[in-house]
Amino acid sequence: RQTRSPMAAVDWIEEIEEPAITGKLYGDIARRWARKDLGAASSWTQQLVDPDIQSRAAKEIARVWTDDDPQAALDWAVELADETVSQQALGAVAKKVALTNPEQAAELALRLPASPARVAAIQLTANLFAVQDLDSAAAWANVLTDTDARAAALPSIADVWAARDAGAAIEWIVTWEEESLQDTALELAASRWHQQDPEPAAAWVKMQKDQDLKERLVRQVGQEN
């Protein structure tokens, strides 16, 4: 029925009383419909009431739209009224673009208007960028001038770096201009470093001159003992 009339398929799905099945079917319809008529499919998705079903449909439409115009897909995702649905769609766009061009995904997120959705998109794309190319992601974040963008991107990249090499992550974190961002990132990295290599991590903590930060780092590292 999906190949003949999307709305007829929707009517048929609504008669099914198995949520796990209907959710998947709504996603399938959204994807097929978007390939045939993107405008109609996106309008239909915005009218869906159930947030779980809307999320499934929105993610599928966002993926199809991304193939043609990633920026338009991102703009559409931001405008979705439900914040959770919006973030799910943003994630779908970001992940698809990041598979082939993580820097482009991050740059797309930067173009979004100021909003919680923009912050979430920058955090996600910066993380995906770092997972694929840590050095390039750090270099990209280093030259950001937008305060909000830096606040979203730097900790996301530091988290990936700390998981791989916490000592090296700390060397990068201490170069940040934003002390407010440094403290939290250093606490996380110190904890990770203590897991990876306890002795040099403890020695580094003891060398800290900022007594308040040092005490917090000692508490954080102490949690691993």
Protein backbone atom coordinates (compact mmCIF):
# COMPACT_ATOMS: atom_id res chain seq x y z
CA ARG A 1 0.00 0.00 0.00
CA GLN A 2 2.93 2.37 0.63
CA THR A 3 3.81 2.50 -3.03
CA ARG A 4 0.27 3.59 -4.03
CA SER A 5 -0.78 6.14 -1.40
CA PRO A 6 1.17 7.24 1.69
CA MET A 7 -2.01 8.39 3.43
CA ALA A 8 -3.73 5.09 2.71
CA ALA A 9 -0.75 3.35 4.32
CA VAL A 10 -1.06 5.66 7.33
CA ASP A 11 -4.74 4.78 7.68
CA TRP A 12 -3.84 1.11 7.58
CA ILE A 13 -1.05 1.50 10.18
CA GLU A 14 -3.38 3.28 12.59
CA GLU A 15 -5.42 0.08 12.78
CA ILE A 16 -2.40 -1.83 14.12
CA GLU A 17 -2.19 -1.99 17.91
CA GLU A 18 1.48 -2.91 18.28
CA PRO A 19 3.51 0.30 19.05
CA ALA A 20 6.86 -1.28 18.18
CA ILE A 21 5.57 -2.26 14.74
CA THR A 22 3.69 0.95 14.02
CA GLY A 23 6.69 3.11 14.93
CA LYS A 24 8.90 1.33 12.41
CA LEU A 25 6.20 1.47 9.74
CA TYR A 26 5.74 5.22 10.22
CA GLY A 27 9.47 5.64 9.69
CA ASP A 28 9.34 3.55 6.53
CA ILE A 29 6.44 5.60 5.17
CA ALA A 30 8.20 8.88 5.97
CA ARG A 31 11.36 7.78 4.14
CA ARG A 32 9.51 6.55 1.05
CA TRP A 33 7.23 9.57 0.97
CA ALA A 34 10.14 11.99 1.35
CA ARG A 35 11.82 10.44 -1.68
CA LYS A 36 8.69 11.06 -3.75
CA ASP A 37 7.40 14.36 -2.31
CA LEU A 38 9.63 15.95 0.32
CA GLY A 39 7.33 18.92 0.93
CA ALA A 40 4.25 16.81 1.57
CA ALA A 41 6.13 14.36 3.77
CA SER A 42 7.66 17.10 5.91
CA SER A 43 4.30 18.85 6.34
CA TRP A 44 2.67 15.57 7.37
CA THR A 45 5.42 14.91 9.92
CA GLN A 46 4.91 18.28 11.58
CA GLN A 47 1.26 17.40 12.15
CA LEU A 48 1.95 14.12 13.94
CA VAL A 49 0.89 14.20 17.60
CA ASP A 50 2.75 11.25 19.12
CA PRO A 51 6.34 12.46 19.83
CA ASP A 52 7.88 9.01 19.40
CA ILE A 53 6.26 8.51 16.01
CA GLN A 54 7.11 12.06 15.00
CA SER A 55 10.74 11.51 15.97
CA ARG A 56 10.97 8.38 13.83
CA ALA A 57 9.41 10.13 10.85
CA ALA A 58 11.46 13.31 11.29
CA LYS A 59 14.74 11.38 11.40
CA GLU A 60 13.93 9.54 8.18
CA ILE A 61 12.90 12.74 6.38
CA ALA A 62 16.01 14.54 7.66
CA ARG A 63 18.24 11.79 6.26
CA VAL A 64 16.56 11.92 2.84
CA TRP A 65 16.66 15.73 2.78
CA THR A 66 20.34 15.73 3.74
CA ASP A 67 21.20 13.91 0.54
CA ASP A 68 19.88 16.86 -1.49
CA ASP A 69 20.48 19.89 0.74
CA PRO A 70 22.08 19.46 4.19
CA GLN A 71 21.60 23.10 5.16
CA ALA A 72 17.89 23.05 4.32
CA ALA A 73 17.51 19.79 6.24
CA LEU A 74 19.20 21.35 9.26
CA ASP A 75 17.05 24.48 9.06
CA TRP A 76 13.90 22.35 8.91
CA ALA A 77 14.99 20.27 11.89
CA VAL A 78 15.58 23.38 13.98
CA GLU A 79 12.06 24.65 13.27
CA LEU A 80 10.32 21.50 14.55
CA ALA A 81 8.20 22.52 17.52
CA ASP A 82 8.98 19.62 19.85
CA GLU A 83 12.51 20.07 21.26
CA THR A 84 13.19 16.34 21.52
CA VAL A 85 11.98 15.70 17.98
CA SER A 86 14.06 18.63 16.74
CA GLN A 87 17.21 17.30 18.37
CA GLN A 88 16.58 13.81 16.98
CA ALA A 89 16.27 15.25 13.47
CA LEU A 90 19.35 17.45 13.95
CA GLY A 91 21.28 14.39 15.05
CA ALA A 92 20.20 12.50 11.94
CA VAL A 93 21.43 15.30 9.69
CA ALA A 94 24.70 15.75 11.56
CA LYS A 95 25.53 12.05 11.63
CA LYS A 96 24.82 11.59 7.93
CA VAL A 97 26.95 14.56 6.87
CA ALA A 98 29.70 13.64 9.33
CA LEU A 99 30.07 10.19 7.76
CA THR A 100 31.67 11.78 4.70
CA ASN A 101 32.66 15.27 5.84
CA PRO A 102 32.76 15.87 9.62
CA GLU A 103 34.07 19.42 9.26
CA GLN A 104 31.17 20.33 6.97
CA ALA A 105 28.76 18.95 9.57
CA ALA A 106 30.33 21.16 12.23
CA GLU A 107 30.25 24.21 9.97
CA LEU A 108 26.57 23.60 9.20
CA ALA A 109 25.81 23.60 12.92
CA LEU A 110 27.59 26.94 13.33
CA ARG A 111 25.24 28.55 10.80
CA LEU A 112 22.15 27.82 12.86
CA PRO A 113 20.46 30.71 14.69
CA ALA A 114 21.21 31.08 18.40
CA SER A 115 19.11 28.54 20.30
CA PRO A 116 19.43 25.43 22.48
CA ALA A 117 19.16 23.40 19.26
CA ARG A 118 22.26 25.16 17.90
CA VAL A 119 24.21 24.35 21.04
CA ALA A 120 23.15 20.70 20.84
CA ALA A 121 24.06 20.53 17.14
CA ILE A 122 27.52 22.02 17.74
CA GLN A 123 28.17 19.64 20.62
CA LEU A 124 27.16 16.64 18.53
CA THR A 125 29.03 17.60 15.36
CA ALA A 126 32.17 18.56 17.28
CA ASN A 127 32.09 15.17 18.97
CA LEU A 128 31.63 13.35 15.67
CA PHE A 129 34.41 15.43 14.11
CA ALA A 130 36.77 14.53 16.97
CA VAL A 131 35.93 10.83 16.75
CA GLN A 132 36.92 10.80 13.08
CA ASP A 133 39.81 13.28 13.06
CA LEU A 134 40.86 14.51 16.49
CA ASP A 135 43.71 16.78 15.41
CA SER A 136 41.62 18.54 12.77
CA ALA A 137 38.69 18.93 15.17
CA ALA A 138 40.91 20.54 17.80
CA ALA A 139 42.45 22.85 15.20
CA TRP A 140 38.96 23.82 14.01
CA ALA A 141 37.78 24.59 17.53
CA ASN A 142 40.92 26.55 18.38
CA VAL A 143 40.10 29.25 15.82
CA LEU A 144 36.40 29.61 16.66
CA THR A 145 35.59 33.17 17.72
CA ASP A 146 31.93 32.70 18.65
CA THR A 147 31.81 32.41 22.46
CA ASP A 148 28.77 30.12 22.54
CA ALA A 149 30.22 27.91 19.81
CA ARG A 150 33.49 27.53 21.71
CA ALA A 151 31.60 26.69 24.89
CA ALA A 152 29.78 23.92 23.04
CA ALA A 153 32.63 22.58 20.91
CA LEU A 154 35.69 22.61 23.17
CA PRO A 155 34.39 20.32 25.95
CA SER A 156 32.91 17.90 23.39
CA ILE A 157 36.27 17.50 21.69
CA ALA A 158 38.13 17.36 25.01
CA ASP A 159 35.89 14.50 26.12
CA VAL A 160 36.86 12.43 23.08
CA TRP A 161 40.54 13.29 23.52
CA ALA A 162 40.52 12.46 27.24
CA ALA A 163 39.06 9.04 26.52
CA ARG A 164 42.01 8.30 24.21
CA ASP A 165 44.89 10.11 25.92
CA ALA A 166 43.93 12.15 28.96
CA GLY A 167 47.43 13.55 29.48
CA ALA A 168 47.50 14.98 25.95
CA ALA A 169 43.96 16.26 26.39
CA ILE A 170 45.01 18.19 29.49
CA GLU A 171 47.91 19.77 27.60
CA TRP A 172 45.35 21.09 25.11
CA ILE A 173 42.76 22.14 27.67
CA VAL A 174 45.22 24.40 29.53
CA THR A 175 45.72 26.41 26.33
CA TRP A 176 42.07 27.52 26.28
CA GLU A 177 41.40 31.15 27.03
CA GLU A 178 38.16 30.37 28.88
CA GLU A 179 39.04 29.41 32.47
CA SER A 180 35.40 28.65 33.21
CA LEU A 181 35.47 25.94 30.56
CA GLN A 182 38.87 24.66 31.62
CA ASP A 183 37.93 23.70 35.16
CA THR A 184 35.19 21.21 34.33
CA ALA A 185 37.16 19.78 31.41
CA LEU A 186 40.26 19.39 33.57
CA GLU A 187 38.31 17.55 36.25
CA LEU A 188 36.99 15.08 33.70
CA ALA A 189 40.37 14.64 32.03
CA ALA A 190 42.14 14.16 35.37
CA SER A 191 39.69 11.42 36.26
CA ARG A 192 40.26 9.74 32.90
CA TRP A 193 44.04 10.14 33.23
CA HIS A 194 43.95 8.53 36.66
CA GLN A 195 42.20 5.54 35.12
CA GLN A 196 44.74 5.32 32.31
CA ASP A 197 47.97 6.08 34.21
CA PRO A 198 47.52 6.88 37.92
CA GLU A 199 51.06 7.94 38.95
CA PRO A 200 51.68 10.77 36.44
CA ALA A 201 48.07 11.91 36.87
CA ALA A 202 48.51 12.22 40.64
CA ALA A 203 51.85 13.98 40.19
CA TRP A 204 50.28 16.52 37.82
CA VAL A 205 47.46 17.24 40.25
CA LYS A 206 49.96 17.91 43.06
CA MET A 207 51.75 20.47 40.87
CA GLN A 208 48.67 22.67 40.43
CA LYS A 209 49.05 26.16 41.94
CA ASP A 210 45.35 27.03 41.95
CA GLN A 211 44.39 25.62 45.35
CA ASP A 212 40.66 25.52 44.67
CA LEU A 213 41.12 23.67 41.38
CA LYS A 214 43.69 21.39 42.98
CA GLU A 215 41.28 20.39 45.75
CA ARG A 216 38.56 19.63 43.22
CA LEU A 217 40.96 17.60 41.11
CA VAL A 218 42.07 15.63 44.17
CA ARG A 219 38.42 14.86 44.97
CA GLN A 220 37.78 13.83 41.38
CA VAL A 221 40.82 11.57 41.19
CA GLY A 222 40.04 10.23 44.65
CA GLN A 223 36.74 8.90 43.34
CA GLU A 224 38.73 6.42 41.26
CA ASN A 225 40.57 4.96 44.24
